Amino acid sequence: MSRLADDALEDSLVSNEELASMLLGNYLNKNPNKTKTLIYESISSLREQALNSSCYNSFSADISRSWKTNDLRMVNPENSNISYDQVVLITRDSGGFFFTALTHLLASEELSADLKKVIYLCGGWFQTLDDYRDRKKDTHRAITTLFTINQNKLPMRLLNEQSKIYGKEIQSILDPQHSLIVFMKKLTRLTRLLDFTKNFLDW
């Protein structure tokens, strides 16, 4: 559902206002299309589960914050006054608040500050990986990400820089040998390997 909503926002098939009204349960599908209907059905299912959660308000707040960041990502990077540091924060919020929202949906009680920070950072890191993978498509669609706004650095170098930053922040909370950190390192290596293989085959 995250991927579907993200792509629909970036392709202007649905607005943040429509997503918010879907989440609140007062959405009227005046101009239906296949993608919008599918998103509505997915969000309705999520909402039904969330209403039974003691953390519904936290879920609702964080999912809304995640989607609102897409307004800033819709600006053509060639005409954008958004700084690189601002894009880093936008990326974190987009993925981070989506991850914390889904965790609230599953949680039986409010998250501790440290746990919420780790989940938020993981979400930001996964959004970074997603943007890295979609960098050519995002450039074509004029979406502002870390990999479309900064054309002076190689994408892999930017990815490595962000990997170190996220790793250091997460390790300040968790043990360096924690299974989550090990998993994220392996996922980063796999992303690099797949990208190298794809470029080699394209060449």
N, C-alpha and C. Protein backbone atom coordinates (compact mmCIF):
# COMPACT_ATOMS: atom_id res chain seq x y z
N MET A 1 0.82 -1.20 0.00
CA MET A 1 0.00 0.00 0.00
C MET A 1 0.86 1.25 0.00
N SER A 2 1.95 1.22 0.75
CA SER A 2 2.87 2.36 0.79
C SER A 2 3.39 2.69 -0.60
N ARG A 3 3.85 1.66 -1.32
CA ARG A 3 4.38 1.85 -2.66
C ARG A 3 3.32 2.40 -3.60
N LEU A 4 2.12 1.86 -3.49
CA LEU A 4 1.01 2.28 -4.34
C LEU A 4 0.67 3.74 -4.11
N ALA A 5 0.53 4.13 -2.83
CA ALA A 5 0.19 5.51 -2.50
C ALA A 5 1.32 6.46 -2.90
N ASP A 6 2.56 6.04 -2.68
CA ASP A 6 3.72 6.86 -3.01
C ASP A 6 3.76 7.14 -4.51
N ASP A 7 3.61 6.11 -5.33
CA ASP A 7 3.64 6.28 -6.78
C ASP A 7 2.45 7.11 -7.26
N ALA A 8 1.28 6.90 -6.65
CA ALA A 8 0.08 7.64 -7.06
C ALA A 8 0.23 9.13 -6.77
N LEU A 9 0.83 9.46 -5.61
CA LEU A 9 1.09 10.86 -5.28
C LEU A 9 2.06 11.48 -6.28
N GLU A 10 3.13 10.76 -6.59
CA GLU A 10 4.16 11.27 -7.48
C GLU A 10 3.66 11.40 -8.92
N ASP A 11 2.66 10.59 -9.29
CA ASP A 11 2.08 10.67 -10.64
C ASP A 11 0.81 11.52 -10.65
N SER A 12 0.51 12.19 -9.52
CA SER A 12 -0.66 13.07 -9.40
C SER A 12 -1.98 12.35 -9.65
N LEU A 13 -2.04 11.07 -9.29
CA LEU A 13 -3.27 10.30 -9.43
C LEU A 13 -4.16 10.43 -8.20
N VAL A 14 -3.58 10.92 -7.12
CA VAL A 14 -4.32 11.14 -5.88
C VAL A 14 -3.62 12.26 -5.13
N SER A 15 -4.38 13.04 -4.36
CA SER A 15 -3.80 14.16 -3.61
C SER A 15 -3.67 13.80 -2.13
N ASN A 16 -2.87 14.60 -1.41
CA ASN A 16 -2.74 14.39 0.03
C ASN A 16 -4.07 14.59 0.74
N GLU A 17 -4.88 15.57 0.23
CA GLU A 17 -6.18 15.82 0.84
C GLU A 17 -7.09 14.59 0.70
N GLU A 18 -7.03 13.94 -0.47
CA GLU A 18 -7.83 12.74 -0.68
C GLU A 18 -7.37 11.60 0.23
N LEU A 19 -6.04 11.46 0.38
CA LEU A 19 -5.53 10.42 1.26
C LEU A 19 -5.97 10.67 2.70
N ALA A 20 -5.93 11.93 3.12
CA ALA A 20 -6.33 12.27 4.49
C ALA A 20 -7.81 11.96 4.71
N SER A 21 -8.67 12.30 3.74
CA SER A 21 -10.10 12.05 3.90
C SER A 21 -10.40 10.55 3.87
N MET A 22 -9.60 9.79 3.09
CA MET A 22 -9.75 8.33 3.11
C MET A 22 -9.45 7.80 4.50
N LEU A 23 -8.39 8.33 5.10
CA LEU A 23 -7.96 7.88 6.41
C LEU A 23 -8.99 8.21 7.48
N LEU A 24 -9.66 9.37 7.33
CA LEU A 24 -10.65 9.81 8.31
C LEU A 24 -12.01 9.16 8.09
N GLY A 25 -12.16 8.49 6.94
CA GLY A 25 -13.40 7.78 6.66
C GLY A 25 -14.50 8.64 6.07
N ASN A 26 -14.17 9.84 5.57
CA ASN A 26 -15.20 10.70 4.99
C ASN A 26 -14.93 11.02 3.52
N TYR A 27 -14.26 10.09 2.83
CA TYR A 27 -13.88 10.31 1.43
C TYR A 27 -15.03 9.95 0.49
N LEU A 28 -15.28 10.84 -0.49
CA LEU A 28 -16.25 10.58 -1.55
C LEU A 28 -15.50 10.49 -2.87
N ASN A 29 -15.53 9.35 -3.51
CA ASN A 29 -14.77 9.12 -4.74
C ASN A 29 -15.51 9.72 -5.93
N LYS A 30 -15.32 11.05 -6.13
CA LYS A 30 -16.04 11.77 -7.18
C LYS A 30 -15.46 11.50 -8.57
N ASN A 31 -14.15 11.33 -8.63
CA ASN A 31 -13.50 11.08 -9.92
C ASN A 31 -12.70 9.79 -9.82
N PRO A 32 -13.40 8.65 -9.81
CA PRO A 32 -12.71 7.38 -9.58
C PRO A 32 -11.79 6.95 -10.71
N ASN A 33 -10.71 6.33 -10.36
CA ASN A 33 -9.86 5.63 -11.34
C ASN A 33 -9.39 4.36 -10.64
N LYS A 34 -8.84 3.45 -11.41
CA LYS A 34 -8.48 2.14 -10.87
C LYS A 34 -7.51 2.25 -9.70
N THR A 35 -6.49 3.10 -9.86
CA THR A 35 -5.48 3.25 -8.81
C THR A 35 -6.08 3.85 -7.54
N LYS A 36 -6.89 4.90 -7.71
CA LYS A 36 -7.50 5.58 -6.56
C LYS A 36 -8.43 4.64 -5.79
N THR A 37 -9.19 3.85 -6.55
CA THR A 37 -10.11 2.90 -5.91
C THR A 37 -9.34 1.85 -5.12
N LEU A 38 -8.22 1.38 -5.68
CA LEU A 38 -7.40 0.38 -4.99
C LEU A 38 -6.80 0.95 -3.72
N ILE A 39 -6.34 2.21 -3.78
CA ILE A 39 -5.79 2.86 -2.59
C ILE A 39 -6.88 3.03 -1.53
N TYR A 40 -8.07 3.44 -1.96
CA TYR A 40 -9.18 3.63 -1.03
C TYR A 40 -9.52 2.33 -0.31
N GLU A 41 -9.57 1.24 -1.06
CA GLU A 41 -9.88 -0.06 -0.45
C GLU A 41 -8.80 -0.48 0.55
N SER A 42 -7.53 -0.21 0.19
CA SER A 42 -6.42 -0.57 1.08
C SER A 42 -6.45 0.25 2.36
N ILE A 43 -6.68 1.56 2.21
CA ILE A 43 -6.72 2.44 3.38
C ILE A 43 -7.92 2.12 4.26
N SER A 44 -9.04 1.80 3.64
CA SER A 44 -10.24 1.44 4.42
C SER A 44 -9.97 0.22 5.29
N SER A 45 -9.25 -0.75 4.70
CA SER A 45 -8.90 -1.95 5.46
C SER A 45 -7.96 -1.60 6.61
N LEU A 46 -6.97 -0.74 6.33
CA LEU A 46 -6.04 -0.29 7.37
C LEU A 46 -6.78 0.44 8.48
N ARG A 47 -7.71 1.30 8.06
CA ARG A 47 -8.44 2.11 9.03
C ARG A 47 -9.28 1.24 9.97
N GLU A 48 -9.90 0.21 9.43
CA GLU A 48 -10.69 -0.69 10.25
C GLU A 48 -9.84 -1.35 11.32
N GLN A 49 -8.60 -1.74 10.92
CA GLN A 49 -7.70 -2.34 11.90
C GLN A 49 -7.23 -1.30 12.92
N ALA A 50 -6.96 -0.10 12.42
CA ALA A 50 -6.42 0.95 13.30
C ALA A 50 -7.43 1.40 14.34
N LEU A 51 -8.72 1.40 13.99
CA LEU A 51 -9.75 1.83 14.92
C LEU A 51 -9.81 0.95 16.16
N ASN A 52 -9.34 -0.27 16.00
CA ASN A 52 -9.32 -1.21 17.13
C ASN A 52 -8.03 -1.12 17.94
N SER A 53 -7.13 -0.25 17.52
CA SER A 53 -5.84 -0.11 18.19
C SER A 53 -5.91 1.01 19.23
N SER A 54 -5.26 0.77 20.35
CA SER A 54 -5.20 1.81 21.39
C SER A 54 -4.32 2.97 20.97
N CYS A 55 -3.56 2.77 19.88
CA CYS A 55 -2.63 3.80 19.40
C CYS A 55 -3.14 4.48 18.13
N TYR A 56 -4.48 4.48 17.93
CA TYR A 56 -5.05 5.00 16.69
C TYR A 56 -4.64 6.45 16.42
N ASN A 57 -4.69 7.30 17.46
CA ASN A 57 -4.36 8.71 17.26
C ASN A 57 -2.91 8.88 16.81
N SER A 58 -2.01 8.09 17.38
CA SER A 58 -0.60 8.15 16.98
C SER A 58 -0.43 7.67 15.55
N PHE A 59 -1.14 6.59 15.22
CA PHE A 59 -1.12 6.07 13.84
C PHE A 59 -1.60 7.13 12.86
N SER A 60 -2.74 7.74 13.15
CA SER A 60 -3.33 8.74 12.26
C SER A 60 -2.41 9.94 12.06
N ALA A 61 -1.81 10.41 13.15
CA ALA A 61 -0.93 11.58 13.08
C ALA A 61 0.31 11.28 12.24
N ASP A 62 0.94 10.13 12.47
CA ASP A 62 2.18 9.82 11.77
C ASP A 62 1.95 9.50 10.29
N ILE A 63 0.86 8.82 9.95
CA ILE A 63 0.61 8.51 8.54
C ILE A 63 0.33 9.79 7.76
N SER A 64 -0.34 10.75 8.40
CA SER A 64 -0.62 12.04 7.75
C SER A 64 0.67 12.83 7.54
N ARG A 65 1.55 12.80 8.54
CA ARG A 65 2.83 13.51 8.43
C ARG A 65 3.68 12.91 7.32
N SER A 66 3.63 11.59 7.17
CA SER A 66 4.39 10.93 6.12
C SER A 66 3.93 11.38 4.74
N TRP A 67 2.62 11.37 4.54
CA TRP A 67 2.09 11.70 3.22
C TRP A 67 2.27 13.18 2.87
N LYS A 68 2.21 14.05 3.88
CA LYS A 68 2.33 15.48 3.62
C LYS A 68 3.72 15.84 3.09
N THR A 69 4.73 15.06 3.43
CA THR A 69 6.08 15.35 2.93
C THR A 69 6.15 15.22 1.41
N ASN A 70 5.21 14.49 0.82
CA ASN A 70 5.25 14.31 -0.63
C ASN A 70 4.96 15.60 -1.39
N ASP A 71 4.28 16.57 -0.74
CA ASP A 71 4.09 17.87 -1.38
C ASP A 71 5.44 18.51 -1.69
N LEU A 72 6.39 18.35 -0.78
CA LEU A 72 7.72 18.93 -0.96
C LEU A 72 8.52 18.15 -1.99
N ARG A 73 8.26 16.85 -2.11
CA ARG A 73 8.97 16.02 -3.08
C ARG A 73 8.47 16.25 -4.51
N MET A 74 7.29 16.87 -4.66
CA MET A 74 6.71 17.08 -5.98
C MET A 74 7.33 18.24 -6.74
N VAL A 75 8.19 19.02 -6.08
CA VAL A 75 8.81 20.18 -6.72
C VAL A 75 9.93 19.72 -7.64
N ASN A 76 9.91 20.21 -8.88
CA ASN A 76 10.97 19.89 -9.83
C ASN A 76 12.31 20.32 -9.25
N PRO A 77 13.27 19.40 -9.12
CA PRO A 77 14.56 19.75 -8.50
C PRO A 77 15.31 20.87 -9.23
N GLU A 78 15.02 21.05 -10.53
CA GLU A 78 15.69 22.11 -11.29
C GLU A 78 15.17 23.49 -10.91
N ASN A 79 13.94 23.54 -10.39
CA ASN A 79 13.35 24.82 -10.01
C ASN A 79 13.19 24.96 -8.49
N SER A 80 13.79 24.04 -7.77
CA SER A 80 13.58 23.99 -6.33
C SER A 80 14.61 24.83 -5.57
N ASN A 81 14.12 25.47 -4.50
CA ASN A 81 15.01 26.20 -3.61
C ASN A 81 15.30 25.38 -2.36
N ILE A 82 14.84 24.12 -2.36
CA ILE A 82 15.05 23.25 -1.21
C ILE A 82 16.51 22.83 -1.15
N SER A 83 17.10 22.95 0.03
CA SER A 83 18.50 22.60 0.19
C SER A 83 18.66 21.09 0.33
N TYR A 84 19.88 20.63 0.18
CA TYR A 84 20.17 19.20 0.32
C TYR A 84 19.80 18.71 1.72
N ASP A 85 20.13 19.51 2.75
CA ASP A 85 19.82 19.12 4.14
C ASP A 85 18.31 19.01 4.35
N GLN A 86 17.55 19.88 3.69
CA GLN A 86 16.10 19.82 3.80
C GLN A 86 15.56 18.54 3.15
N VAL A 87 16.16 18.16 2.02
CA VAL A 87 15.73 16.93 1.34
C VAL A 87 16.05 15.71 2.19
N VAL A 88 17.17 15.75 2.91
CA VAL A 88 17.51 14.66 3.83
C VAL A 88 16.40 14.50 4.87
N LEU A 89 15.94 15.63 5.44
CA LEU A 89 14.89 15.59 6.46
C LEU A 89 13.56 15.14 5.87
N ILE A 90 13.25 15.61 4.66
CA ILE A 90 12.00 15.22 3.99
C ILE A 90 11.99 13.71 3.76
N THR A 91 13.13 13.17 3.34
CA THR A 91 13.25 11.74 3.10
C THR A 91 13.03 10.96 4.38
N ARG A 92 13.64 11.44 5.45
CA ARG A 92 13.48 10.78 6.76
C ARG A 92 12.02 10.78 7.20
N ASP A 93 11.38 11.94 7.06
CA ASP A 93 9.99 12.05 7.51
C ASP A 93 9.06 11.19 6.67
N SER A 94 9.30 11.14 5.38
CA SER A 94 8.44 10.36 4.49
C SER A 94 8.44 8.89 4.86
N GLY A 95 9.63 8.31 4.98
CA GLY A 95 9.72 6.90 5.34
C GLY A 95 9.59 6.65 6.83
N GLY A 96 10.16 7.56 7.62
CA GLY A 96 10.18 7.37 9.07
C GLY A 96 8.79 7.37 9.69
N PHE A 97 7.98 8.36 9.34
CA PHE A 97 6.65 8.44 9.93
C PHE A 97 5.73 7.35 9.39
N PHE A 98 5.99 6.89 8.16
CA PHE A 98 5.18 5.78 7.65
C PHE A 98 5.47 4.51 8.46
N PHE A 99 6.74 4.28 8.75
CA PHE A 99 7.12 3.10 9.54
C PHE A 99 6.55 3.18 10.97
N THR A 100 6.65 4.35 11.59
CA THR A 100 6.13 4.46 12.96
C THR A 100 4.60 4.34 12.96
N ALA A 101 3.96 4.84 11.90
CA ALA A 101 2.50 4.72 11.81
C ALA A 101 2.08 3.26 11.77
N LEU A 102 2.73 2.47 10.93
CA LEU A 102 2.38 1.06 10.83
C LEU A 102 2.68 0.31 12.13
N THR A 103 3.75 0.72 12.81
CA THR A 103 4.07 0.09 14.10
C THR A 103 3.00 0.41 15.14
N HIS A 104 2.52 1.66 15.13
CA HIS A 104 1.42 2.03 16.02
C HIS A 104 0.19 1.16 15.75
N LEU A 105 0.00 0.86 14.48
CA LEU A 105 -1.17 0.05 14.08
C LEU A 105 -1.11 -1.34 14.70
N LEU A 106 0.10 -1.86 14.83
CA LEU A 106 0.28 -3.21 15.35
C LEU A 106 0.50 -3.26 16.86
N ALA A 107 0.87 -2.12 17.43
CA ALA A 107 1.25 -2.09 18.85
C ALA A 107 0.03 -2.15 19.77
N SER A 108 0.22 -2.74 20.93
CA SER A 108 -0.85 -2.79 21.93
C SER A 108 -0.72 -1.66 22.94
N GLU A 109 0.41 -0.94 22.87
CA GLU A 109 0.63 0.21 23.75
C GLU A 109 1.57 1.17 23.07
N GLU A 110 1.62 2.40 23.59
CA GLU A 110 2.48 3.43 22.99
C GLU A 110 3.95 3.00 23.00
N LEU A 111 4.68 3.40 21.96
CA LEU A 111 6.08 3.03 21.83
C LEU A 111 6.95 3.88 22.76
N SER A 112 8.05 3.28 23.23
CA SER A 112 9.02 4.05 24.00
C SER A 112 9.73 5.01 23.04
N ALA A 113 10.34 6.05 23.59
CA ALA A 113 11.01 7.06 22.77
C ALA A 113 12.14 6.44 21.94
N ASP A 114 12.94 5.56 22.56
CA ASP A 114 14.06 4.94 21.84
C ASP A 114 13.57 4.03 20.73
N LEU A 115 12.53 3.24 21.01
CA LEU A 115 12.02 2.32 19.99
C LEU A 115 11.43 3.10 18.82
N LYS A 116 10.69 4.15 19.12
CA LYS A 116 10.11 4.96 18.05
C LYS A 116 11.21 5.62 17.20
N LYS A 117 12.29 6.05 17.85
CA LYS A 117 13.41 6.68 17.11
C LYS A 117 14.05 5.66 16.17
N VAL A 118 14.27 4.44 16.65
CA VAL A 118 14.88 3.40 15.81
C VAL A 118 13.98 3.08 14.61
N ILE A 119 12.69 2.93 14.86
CA ILE A 119 11.75 2.62 13.77
C ILE A 119 11.70 3.77 12.78
N TYR A 120 11.70 5.00 13.29
CA TYR A 120 11.71 6.19 12.42
C TYR A 120 12.96 6.21 11.53
N LEU A 121 14.11 5.93 12.12
CA LEU A 121 15.36 5.93 11.36
C LEU A 121 15.36 4.82 10.30
N CYS A 122 14.84 3.65 10.67
CA CYS A 122 14.76 2.54 9.70
C CYS A 122 13.87 2.92 8.52
N GLY A 123 12.76 3.59 8.83
CA GLY A 123 11.87 4.03 7.76
C GLY A 123 12.54 5.03 6.83
N GLY A 124 13.29 5.96 7.42
CA GLY A 124 14.02 6.92 6.59
C GLY A 124 15.05 6.25 5.72
N TRP A 125 15.72 5.23 6.28
CA TRP A 125 16.74 4.51 5.52
C TRP A 125 16.12 3.73 4.37
N PHE A 126 15.00 3.08 4.62
CA PHE A 126 14.33 2.34 3.54
C PHE A 126 13.82 3.28 2.46
N GLN A 127 13.37 4.49 2.85
CA GLN A 127 12.95 5.47 1.85
C GLN A 127 14.15 5.91 1.01
N THR A 128 15.31 6.03 1.65
CA THR A 128 16.54 6.39 0.93
C THR A 128 16.90 5.31 -0.09
N LEU A 129 16.82 4.04 0.32
CA LEU A 129 17.09 2.94 -0.60
C LEU A 129 16.09 2.94 -1.76
N ASP A 130 14.83 3.21 -1.44
CA ASP A 130 13.80 3.26 -2.47
C ASP A 130 14.07 4.38 -3.47
N ASP A 131 14.48 5.55 -2.96
CA ASP A 131 14.80 6.67 -3.85
C ASP A 131 16.03 6.37 -4.69
N TYR A 132 16.98 5.67 -4.11
CA TYR A 132 18.17 5.28 -4.87
C TYR A 132 17.78 4.36 -6.03
N ARG A 133 16.93 3.41 -5.74
CA ARG A 133 16.50 2.46 -6.76
C ARG A 133 15.68 3.16 -7.86
N ASP A 134 14.91 4.18 -7.46
CA ASP A 134 14.01 4.86 -8.41
C ASP A 134 14.61 6.13 -8.99
N ARG A 135 15.91 6.35 -8.83
CA ARG A 135 16.48 7.65 -9.19
C ARG A 135 16.27 8.03 -10.65
N LYS A 136 16.34 7.08 -11.57
CA LYS A 136 16.14 7.40 -12.99
C LYS A 136 14.69 7.75 -13.26
N LYS A 137 13.78 6.99 -12.66
CA LYS A 137 12.35 7.26 -12.82
C LYS A 137 11.98 8.59 -12.18
N ASP A 138 12.57 8.88 -11.00
CA ASP A 138 12.27 10.13 -10.32
C ASP A 138 12.83 11.33 -11.09
N THR A 139 13.97 11.16 -11.73
CA THR A 139 14.53 12.23 -12.56
C THR A 139 13.59 12.52 -13.72
N HIS A 140 13.09 11.47 -14.34
CA HIS A 140 12.16 11.62 -15.48
C HIS A 140 10.86 12.29 -15.03
N ARG A 141 10.39 11.97 -13.82
CA ARG A 141 9.13 12.53 -13.32
C ARG A 141 9.34 13.84 -12.58
N ALA A 142 10.59 14.31 -12.51
CA ALA A 142 10.94 15.57 -11.84
C ALA A 142 10.53 15.55 -10.36
N ILE A 143 10.90 14.46 -9.67
CA ILE A 143 10.65 14.33 -8.24
C ILE A 143 11.92 14.70 -7.48
N THR A 144 11.77 15.49 -6.43
CA THR A 144 12.92 15.92 -5.64
C THR A 144 13.30 14.86 -4.60
N THR A 145 14.46 14.24 -4.79
CA THR A 145 15.02 13.29 -3.83
C THR A 145 16.50 13.59 -3.66
N LEU A 146 17.15 12.88 -2.77
CA LEU A 146 18.59 13.05 -2.57
C LEU A 146 19.37 12.80 -3.85
N PHE A 147 18.83 11.93 -4.71
CA PHE A 147 19.57 11.50 -5.89
C PHE A 147 19.20 12.27 -7.16
N THR A 148 18.22 13.17 -7.06
CA THR A 148 17.88 14.01 -8.21
C THR A 148 18.28 15.47 -7.99
N ILE A 149 18.40 15.87 -6.70
CA ILE A 149 18.72 17.27 -6.42
C ILE A 149 20.23 17.52 -6.45
N ASN A 150 21.01 16.47 -6.22
CA ASN A 150 22.47 16.63 -6.18
C ASN A 150 23.10 15.83 -7.32
N GLN A 151 23.35 16.52 -8.44
CA GLN A 151 23.90 15.86 -9.62
C GLN A 151 25.43 15.86 -9.64
N ASN A 152 26.03 16.48 -8.61
CA ASN A 152 27.49 16.59 -8.59
C ASN A 152 28.17 15.39 -7.92
N LYS A 153 27.37 14.56 -7.25
CA LYS A 153 27.93 13.38 -6.60
C LYS A 153 27.35 12.11 -7.21
N LEU A 154 28.17 11.08 -7.28
CA LEU A 154 27.69 9.81 -7.78
C LEU A 154 26.63 9.26 -6.83
N PRO A 155 25.54 8.67 -7.36
CA PRO A 155 24.48 8.12 -6.50
C PRO A 155 25.00 7.15 -5.45
N MET A 156 25.96 6.30 -5.84
CA MET A 156 26.50 5.33 -4.90
C MET A 156 27.22 6.02 -3.74
N ARG A 157 27.91 7.12 -4.03
CA ARG A 157 28.61 7.85 -2.97
C ARG A 157 27.61 8.47 -2.00
N LEU A 158 26.51 9.02 -2.55
CA LEU A 158 25.47 9.58 -1.69
C LEU A 158 24.85 8.49 -0.81
N LEU A 159 24.62 7.33 -1.41
CA LEU A 159 24.04 6.21 -0.67
C LEU A 159 24.98 5.78 0.46
N ASN A 160 26.27 5.70 0.17
CA ASN A 160 27.25 5.31 1.19
C ASN A 160 27.29 6.33 2.33
N GLU A 161 27.21 7.61 2.00
CA GLU A 161 27.22 8.65 3.02
C GLU A 161 26.02 8.52 3.95
N GLN A 162 24.85 8.33 3.35
CA GLN A 162 23.63 8.20 4.15
C GLN A 162 23.65 6.92 4.98
N SER A 163 24.21 5.85 4.41
CA SER A 163 24.31 4.58 5.12
C SER A 163 25.11 4.75 6.41
N LYS A 164 26.22 5.47 6.34
CA LYS A 164 27.06 5.69 7.51
C LYS A 164 26.34 6.54 8.56
N ILE A 165 25.60 7.56 8.09
CA ILE A 165 24.89 8.45 9.02
C ILE A 165 23.79 7.69 9.76
N TYR A 166 22.98 6.95 9.00
CA TYR A 166 21.90 6.19 9.63
C TYR A 166 22.46 5.12 10.57
N GLY A 167 23.52 4.46 10.09
CA GLY A 167 24.13 3.41 10.92
C GLY A 167 24.63 3.94 12.24
N LYS A 168 25.28 5.10 12.21
CA LYS A 168 25.82 5.70 13.44
C LYS A 168 24.71 6.09 14.40
N GLU A 169 23.62 6.64 13.86
CA GLU A 169 22.51 7.07 14.73
C GLU A 169 21.80 5.86 15.36
N ILE A 170 21.60 4.82 14.56
CA ILE A 170 20.92 3.64 15.09
C ILE A 170 21.80 2.93 16.12
N GLN A 171 23.12 2.89 15.86
CA GLN A 171 24.04 2.23 16.79
C GLN A 171 24.19 3.01 18.10
N SER A 172 23.78 4.27 18.11
CA SER A 172 23.82 5.03 19.36
C SER A 172 22.69 4.59 20.29
N ILE A 173 21.72 3.83 19.73
CA ILE A 173 20.60 3.34 20.53
C ILE A 173 20.68 1.83 20.73
N LEU A 174 21.04 1.10 19.66
CA LEU A 174 21.11 -0.36 19.71
C LEU A 174 22.55 -0.84 19.74
N ASP A 175 22.75 -2.06 20.19
CA ASP A 175 24.08 -2.68 20.14
C ASP A 175 24.49 -2.85 18.68
N PRO A 176 25.76 -2.57 18.35
CA PRO A 176 26.23 -2.69 16.96
C PRO A 176 25.99 -4.07 16.33
N GLN A 177 25.89 -5.10 17.17
CA GLN A 177 25.66 -6.46 16.66
C GLN A 177 24.18 -6.85 16.67
N HIS A 178 23.33 -5.88 16.93
CA HIS A 178 21.89 -6.16 16.94
C HIS A 178 21.46 -6.68 15.56
N SER A 179 20.53 -7.62 15.54
CA SER A 179 20.12 -8.26 14.29
C SER A 179 19.57 -7.25 13.28
N LEU A 180 18.93 -6.18 13.75
CA LEU A 180 18.40 -5.16 12.85
C LEU A 180 19.51 -4.45 12.12
N ILE A 181 20.58 -4.11 12.84
CA ILE A 181 21.71 -3.43 12.21
C ILE A 181 22.40 -4.35 11.21
N VAL A 182 22.57 -5.60 11.58
CA VAL A 182 23.18 -6.59 10.67
C VAL A 182 22.34 -6.72 9.40
N PHE A 183 21.01 -6.77 9.57
CA PHE A 183 20.10 -6.88 8.42
C PHE A 183 20.23 -5.67 7.50
N MET A 184 20.26 -4.47 8.08
CA MET A 184 20.36 -3.26 7.27
C MET A 184 21.67 -3.20 6.49
N LYS A 185 22.75 -3.65 7.11
CA LYS A 185 24.04 -3.68 6.42
C LYS A 185 23.99 -4.64 5.24
N LYS A 186 23.39 -5.81 5.45
CA LYS A 186 23.29 -6.80 4.37
C LYS A 186 22.40 -6.29 3.25
N LEU A 187 21.33 -5.60 3.61
CA LEU A 187 20.42 -5.06 2.60
C LEU A 187 21.12 -3.99 1.76
N THR A 188 21.93 -3.17 2.41
CA THR A 188 22.68 -2.14 1.69
C THR A 188 23.66 -2.77 0.71
N ARG A 189 24.38 -3.81 1.17
CA ARG A 189 25.31 -4.50 0.28
C ARG A 189 24.58 -5.13 -0.90
N LEU A 190 23.42 -5.72 -0.64
CA LEU A 190 22.63 -6.34 -1.71
C LEU A 190 22.17 -5.30 -2.72
N THR A 191 21.76 -4.13 -2.24
CA THR A 191 21.33 -3.05 -3.14
C THR A 191 22.47 -2.63 -4.06
N ARG A 192 23.65 -2.48 -3.48
CA ARG A 192 24.82 -2.11 -4.29
C ARG A 192 25.13 -3.18 -5.33
N LEU A 193 25.09 -4.45 -4.91
CA LEU A 193 25.40 -5.56 -5.81
C LEU A 193 24.40 -5.63 -6.96
N LEU A 194 23.12 -5.49 -6.65
CA LEU A 194 22.09 -5.55 -7.68
C LEU A 194 22.24 -4.39 -8.66
N ASP A 195 22.58 -3.22 -8.12
CA ASP A 195 22.76 -2.05 -8.98
C ASP A 195 23.96 -2.24 -9.89
N PHE A 196 25.05 -2.76 -9.34
CA PHE A 196 26.25 -3.02 -10.15
C PHE A 196 25.95 -4.04 -11.24
N THR A 197 25.23 -5.11 -10.87
CA THR A 197 24.89 -6.15 -11.84
C THR A 197 24.02 -5.60 -12.95
N LYS A 198 23.04 -4.79 -12.59
CA LYS A 198 22.14 -4.20 -13.60
C LYS A 198 22.90 -3.31 -14.56
N ASN A 199 23.79 -2.46 -14.01
CA ASN A 199 24.58 -1.57 -14.87
C ASN A 199 25.50 -2.36 -15.79
N PHE A 200 26.07 -3.44 -15.26
CA PHE A 200 26.94 -4.29 -16.08
C PHE A 200 26.17 -4.93 -17.23
N LEU A 201 24.96 -5.43 -16.94
CA LEU A 201 24.15 -6.06 -17.98
C LEU A 201 23.67 -5.05 -19.01
N ASP A 202 23.33 -3.83 -18.53
CA ASP A 202 22.89 -2.77 -19.46
C ASP A 202 24.03 -2.36 -20.37
N TRP A 203 25.25 -2.38 -19.80
CA TRP A 203 26.41 -1.98 -20.59
C TRP A 203 26.69 -3.02 -21.69
